[in-house]
N, C-alpha and C. Protein backbone atom coordinates (compact mmCIF):
# COMPACT_ATOMS: atom_id res chain seq x y z
N MET A 1 2.57 -32.10 18.05
CA MET A 1 3.69 -31.63 17.45
C MET A 1 3.40 -30.67 16.26
N LYS A 2 4.07 -29.53 16.21
CA LYS A 2 3.89 -28.56 15.13
C LYS A 2 4.48 -29.05 13.82
N SER A 3 3.76 -28.63 12.78
CA SER A 3 4.16 -29.15 11.45
C SER A 3 5.06 -27.91 11.01
N VAL A 4 6.06 -28.22 10.10
CA VAL A 4 6.91 -27.21 9.49
C VAL A 4 6.31 -26.83 8.29
N ARG A 5 6.15 -25.36 8.09
CA ARG A 5 5.61 -24.94 6.95
C ARG A 5 6.61 -25.03 5.73
N GLN A 6 5.99 -25.44 4.59
CA GLN A 6 6.97 -25.45 3.48
C GLN A 6 7.00 -24.18 2.67
N LEU A 7 8.07 -23.95 1.98
CA LEU A 7 8.29 -22.78 1.16
C LEU A 7 7.11 -22.55 0.17
N THR A 8 6.53 -23.68 -0.22
CA THR A 8 5.42 -23.63 -1.23
C THR A 8 4.17 -23.06 -0.47
N ASP A 9 4.05 -22.96 0.78
CA ASP A 9 2.96 -22.28 1.47
C ASP A 9 2.96 -20.81 1.21
N PHE A 10 4.02 -20.27 0.79
CA PHE A 10 4.20 -18.82 0.66
C PHE A 10 4.30 -18.29 -0.73
N VAL A 11 3.76 -19.11 -1.70
CA VAL A 11 3.80 -18.72 -3.14
C VAL A 11 3.04 -17.42 -3.38
N VAL A 12 3.67 -16.56 -4.16
CA VAL A 12 2.89 -15.34 -4.49
C VAL A 12 2.87 -15.37 -6.02
N PRO A 13 1.76 -14.93 -6.59
CA PRO A 13 1.61 -14.99 -8.06
C PRO A 13 2.61 -14.01 -8.55
N VAL A 14 3.02 -14.29 -9.74
CA VAL A 14 4.05 -13.32 -10.42
C VAL A 14 3.41 -12.02 -10.72
N SER A 15 2.09 -11.90 -10.99
CA SER A 15 1.51 -10.57 -11.19
C SER A 15 1.49 -9.74 -9.91
N ASP A 16 1.31 -10.34 -8.85
CA ASP A 16 1.39 -9.63 -7.59
C ASP A 16 2.81 -9.22 -7.30
N LEU A 17 3.87 -9.97 -7.63
CA LEU A 17 5.18 -9.55 -7.46
C LEU A 17 5.53 -8.33 -8.28
N LYS A 18 5.00 -8.26 -9.43
CA LYS A 18 5.24 -7.25 -10.43
C LYS A 18 4.72 -5.94 -9.85
N MET A 19 3.45 -5.97 -9.22
CA MET A 19 2.90 -4.80 -8.61
C MET A 19 3.65 -4.44 -7.39
N MET A 20 4.18 -5.41 -6.66
CA MET A 20 4.94 -5.02 -5.41
C MET A 20 6.15 -4.38 -5.85
N ASP A 21 6.86 -4.88 -6.93
CA ASP A 21 8.02 -4.23 -7.44
C ASP A 21 7.76 -2.84 -7.77
N TYR A 22 6.60 -2.59 -8.53
CA TYR A 22 6.25 -1.34 -9.02
C TYR A 22 6.01 -0.29 -7.89
N ALA A 23 5.29 -0.82 -6.87
CA ALA A 23 5.06 0.01 -5.66
C ALA A 23 6.29 0.37 -4.93
N PHE A 24 7.22 -0.53 -4.85
CA PHE A 24 8.42 -0.28 -4.16
C PHE A 24 9.26 0.73 -4.92
N LEU A 25 9.24 0.66 -6.31
CA LEU A 25 10.02 1.57 -7.04
C LEU A 25 9.46 3.01 -6.98
N VAL A 26 8.16 3.09 -7.02
CA VAL A 26 7.51 4.46 -6.85
C VAL A 26 7.90 4.97 -5.49
N TRP A 27 7.75 4.24 -4.43
CA TRP A 27 8.08 4.64 -3.08
C TRP A 27 9.56 5.12 -2.96
N TYR A 28 10.49 4.20 -3.54
CA TYR A 28 11.89 4.45 -3.48
C TYR A 28 12.30 5.81 -4.20
N MET A 29 11.65 6.04 -5.34
CA MET A 29 11.90 7.29 -6.00
C MET A 29 11.41 8.52 -5.30
N GLU A 30 10.26 8.27 -4.73
CA GLU A 30 9.67 9.48 -3.93
C GLU A 30 10.58 9.74 -2.67
N GLU A 31 11.05 8.68 -1.94
CA GLU A 31 11.81 8.93 -0.67
C GLU A 31 13.27 9.30 -1.00
N ASN A 32 13.82 8.71 -1.98
CA ASN A 32 15.28 8.89 -2.24
C ASN A 32 15.77 9.85 -3.15
N ALA A 33 14.91 10.29 -4.05
CA ALA A 33 15.18 11.16 -5.01
C ALA A 33 14.25 12.47 -5.06
N GLY A 34 13.21 12.38 -4.13
CA GLY A 34 12.34 13.65 -4.08
C GLY A 34 11.39 13.75 -5.24
N LEU A 35 11.09 12.63 -5.97
CA LEU A 35 10.16 12.71 -7.11
C LEU A 35 8.72 12.75 -6.52
N THR A 36 7.89 13.45 -7.32
CA THR A 36 6.44 13.38 -6.94
C THR A 36 5.94 12.06 -7.38
N TYR A 37 4.66 11.71 -7.01
CA TYR A 37 4.11 10.54 -7.51
C TYR A 37 3.88 10.49 -9.03
N LYS A 38 3.51 11.64 -9.58
CA LYS A 38 3.31 11.74 -11.04
C LYS A 38 4.60 11.54 -11.80
N GLU A 39 5.72 12.22 -11.27
CA GLU A 39 6.98 12.10 -11.88
C GLU A 39 7.40 10.57 -11.90
N ALA A 40 7.28 9.97 -10.76
CA ALA A 40 7.63 8.51 -10.63
C ALA A 40 6.78 7.61 -11.50
N ARG A 41 5.54 7.86 -11.58
CA ARG A 41 4.60 7.14 -12.45
C ARG A 41 4.92 7.40 -13.90
N VAL A 42 5.35 8.58 -14.40
CA VAL A 42 5.70 8.80 -15.66
C VAL A 42 7.05 8.05 -16.04
N ILE A 43 7.98 8.10 -15.11
CA ILE A 43 9.32 7.50 -15.39
C ILE A 43 9.04 5.95 -15.53
N LEU A 44 8.10 5.32 -14.78
CA LEU A 44 7.86 3.95 -14.83
C LEU A 44 6.87 3.49 -15.83
N ARG A 45 6.45 4.37 -16.67
CA ARG A 45 5.28 4.15 -17.64
C ARG A 45 5.48 2.84 -18.47
N ASP A 46 6.75 2.52 -18.83
CA ASP A 46 6.93 1.27 -19.64
C ASP A 46 6.77 0.07 -18.84
N PHE A 47 6.95 0.23 -17.44
CA PHE A 47 6.89 -0.98 -16.58
C PHE A 47 5.43 -1.50 -16.64
N ARG A 48 4.51 -0.66 -16.76
CA ARG A 48 3.02 -1.00 -16.81
C ARG A 48 2.52 -0.96 -18.18
N GLY A 49 3.29 -0.58 -19.16
CA GLY A 49 2.79 -0.61 -20.53
C GLY A 49 1.92 0.68 -20.76
N GLU A 50 2.15 1.77 -20.11
CA GLU A 50 1.33 3.02 -20.29
C GLU A 50 2.05 3.94 -21.25
N SER A 51 1.23 4.49 -22.08
CA SER A 51 1.83 5.50 -23.05
C SER A 51 1.69 6.91 -22.53
N VAL A 52 2.29 7.86 -23.12
CA VAL A 52 2.13 9.18 -22.62
C VAL A 52 0.80 9.68 -22.79
N SER A 53 0.12 9.36 -23.83
CA SER A 53 -1.35 9.80 -23.97
C SER A 53 -2.16 9.14 -22.95
N ASP A 54 -1.85 7.84 -22.51
CA ASP A 54 -2.65 7.31 -21.43
C ASP A 54 -2.53 8.07 -20.05
N LEU A 55 -1.31 8.45 -19.80
CA LEU A 55 -1.02 9.21 -18.52
C LEU A 55 -1.55 10.62 -18.58
N ALA A 56 -1.57 11.26 -19.81
CA ALA A 56 -2.12 12.63 -19.98
C ALA A 56 -3.59 12.50 -19.63
N GLU A 57 -4.23 11.50 -20.12
CA GLU A 57 -5.63 11.22 -19.91
C GLU A 57 -5.96 11.06 -18.42
N LEU A 58 -5.07 10.18 -17.81
CA LEU A 58 -5.34 9.84 -16.42
C LEU A 58 -5.16 11.06 -15.54
N PHE A 59 -4.05 11.86 -15.82
CA PHE A 59 -3.77 13.04 -14.90
C PHE A 59 -4.51 14.23 -15.41
N GLU A 60 -5.35 14.09 -16.48
CA GLU A 60 -6.10 15.19 -17.00
C GLU A 60 -5.17 16.39 -17.38
N SER A 61 -4.22 16.08 -18.13
CA SER A 61 -3.22 17.12 -18.50
C SER A 61 -2.81 16.84 -19.94
N THR A 62 -1.87 17.67 -20.42
CA THR A 62 -1.48 17.62 -21.80
C THR A 62 -0.23 16.53 -21.88
N THR A 63 -0.06 16.06 -23.18
CA THR A 63 1.14 15.29 -23.33
C THR A 63 2.35 15.98 -23.01
N GLN A 64 2.38 17.35 -23.25
CA GLN A 64 3.57 18.14 -23.01
C GLN A 64 3.96 18.10 -21.41
N ALA A 65 2.91 18.16 -20.63
CA ALA A 65 3.01 18.09 -19.24
C ALA A 65 3.64 16.76 -18.82
N ILE A 66 3.18 15.77 -19.45
CA ILE A 66 3.89 14.37 -19.17
C ILE A 66 5.28 14.34 -19.55
N HIS A 67 5.65 14.99 -20.65
CA HIS A 67 7.11 14.92 -21.02
C HIS A 67 7.86 15.80 -19.99
N ASN A 68 7.17 16.97 -19.48
CA ASN A 68 7.82 17.68 -18.43
C ASN A 68 8.08 16.92 -17.16
N PHE A 69 7.03 16.19 -16.66
CA PHE A 69 7.17 15.31 -15.61
C PHE A 69 8.39 14.37 -15.80
N ASP A 70 8.47 13.80 -17.01
CA ASP A 70 9.56 12.81 -17.33
C ASP A 70 10.97 13.50 -17.27
N ARG A 71 11.07 14.69 -17.76
CA ARG A 71 12.34 15.50 -17.84
C ARG A 71 12.73 15.85 -16.42
N ARG A 72 11.75 16.38 -15.54
CA ARG A 72 12.06 16.63 -14.15
C ARG A 72 12.39 15.52 -13.31
N GLY A 73 11.72 14.45 -13.47
CA GLY A 73 12.02 13.18 -12.77
C GLY A 73 13.36 12.67 -13.13
N MET A 74 13.69 12.59 -14.32
CA MET A 74 15.04 12.08 -14.69
C MET A 74 16.14 13.09 -14.09
N LYS A 75 15.96 14.32 -14.15
CA LYS A 75 16.89 15.26 -13.51
C LYS A 75 16.99 14.97 -12.03
N LYS A 76 15.94 14.77 -11.36
CA LYS A 76 16.06 14.46 -9.84
C LYS A 76 16.79 13.16 -9.62
N LEU A 77 16.56 12.13 -10.53
CA LEU A 77 17.26 10.92 -10.32
C LEU A 77 18.70 11.10 -10.48
N ILE A 78 19.12 11.86 -11.44
CA ILE A 78 20.47 12.15 -11.85
C ILE A 78 21.10 12.92 -10.64
N ASP A 79 20.41 13.97 -10.18
CA ASP A 79 20.92 14.76 -9.15
C ASP A 79 21.09 13.94 -7.84
N ALA A 80 20.20 12.93 -7.57
CA ALA A 80 20.32 12.06 -6.47
C ALA A 80 21.46 10.96 -6.55
N GLY A 81 21.97 10.89 -7.69
CA GLY A 81 23.01 9.90 -7.93
C GLY A 81 22.48 8.49 -8.18
N ILE A 82 21.23 8.39 -8.48
CA ILE A 82 20.63 7.13 -8.77
C ILE A 82 20.87 6.75 -10.27
N LEU A 83 20.78 7.86 -11.17
CA LEU A 83 21.20 7.59 -12.55
C LEU A 83 22.46 8.33 -12.82
N LEU A 84 23.10 8.05 -13.87
CA LEU A 84 24.18 8.66 -14.37
C LEU A 84 23.74 9.45 -15.45
N PRO A 85 24.30 10.74 -15.54
CA PRO A 85 23.91 11.53 -16.81
C PRO A 85 24.48 10.91 -18.06
N GLN A 86 23.81 11.11 -19.07
CA GLN A 86 24.21 10.65 -20.40
C GLN A 86 24.99 11.78 -21.13
N GLU A 87 26.14 11.47 -21.68
CA GLU A 87 26.88 12.57 -22.42
C GLU A 87 26.31 12.62 -23.84
N THR A 88 26.18 13.80 -24.31
CA THR A 88 25.57 14.08 -25.63
C THR A 88 26.58 14.71 -26.52
């Protein structure tokens, strides 16, 4: 007789779930809003606790370039209807 698997057999550590969420969000922004990997990574920098200078070092670019990725990524998310524009 086959045993029934319990839900506890499929427990995933919280740290793995966070990375799965992150990977899904990067993919979603690339596929649905046309962001590049770098733009998505910059938009999600707070998710992983990365600073602008961390990303500038990682991408071998300037902090101004990181701010430009952020600005372009946010514009693409607004244009795709994923984010609402903020009134100033």
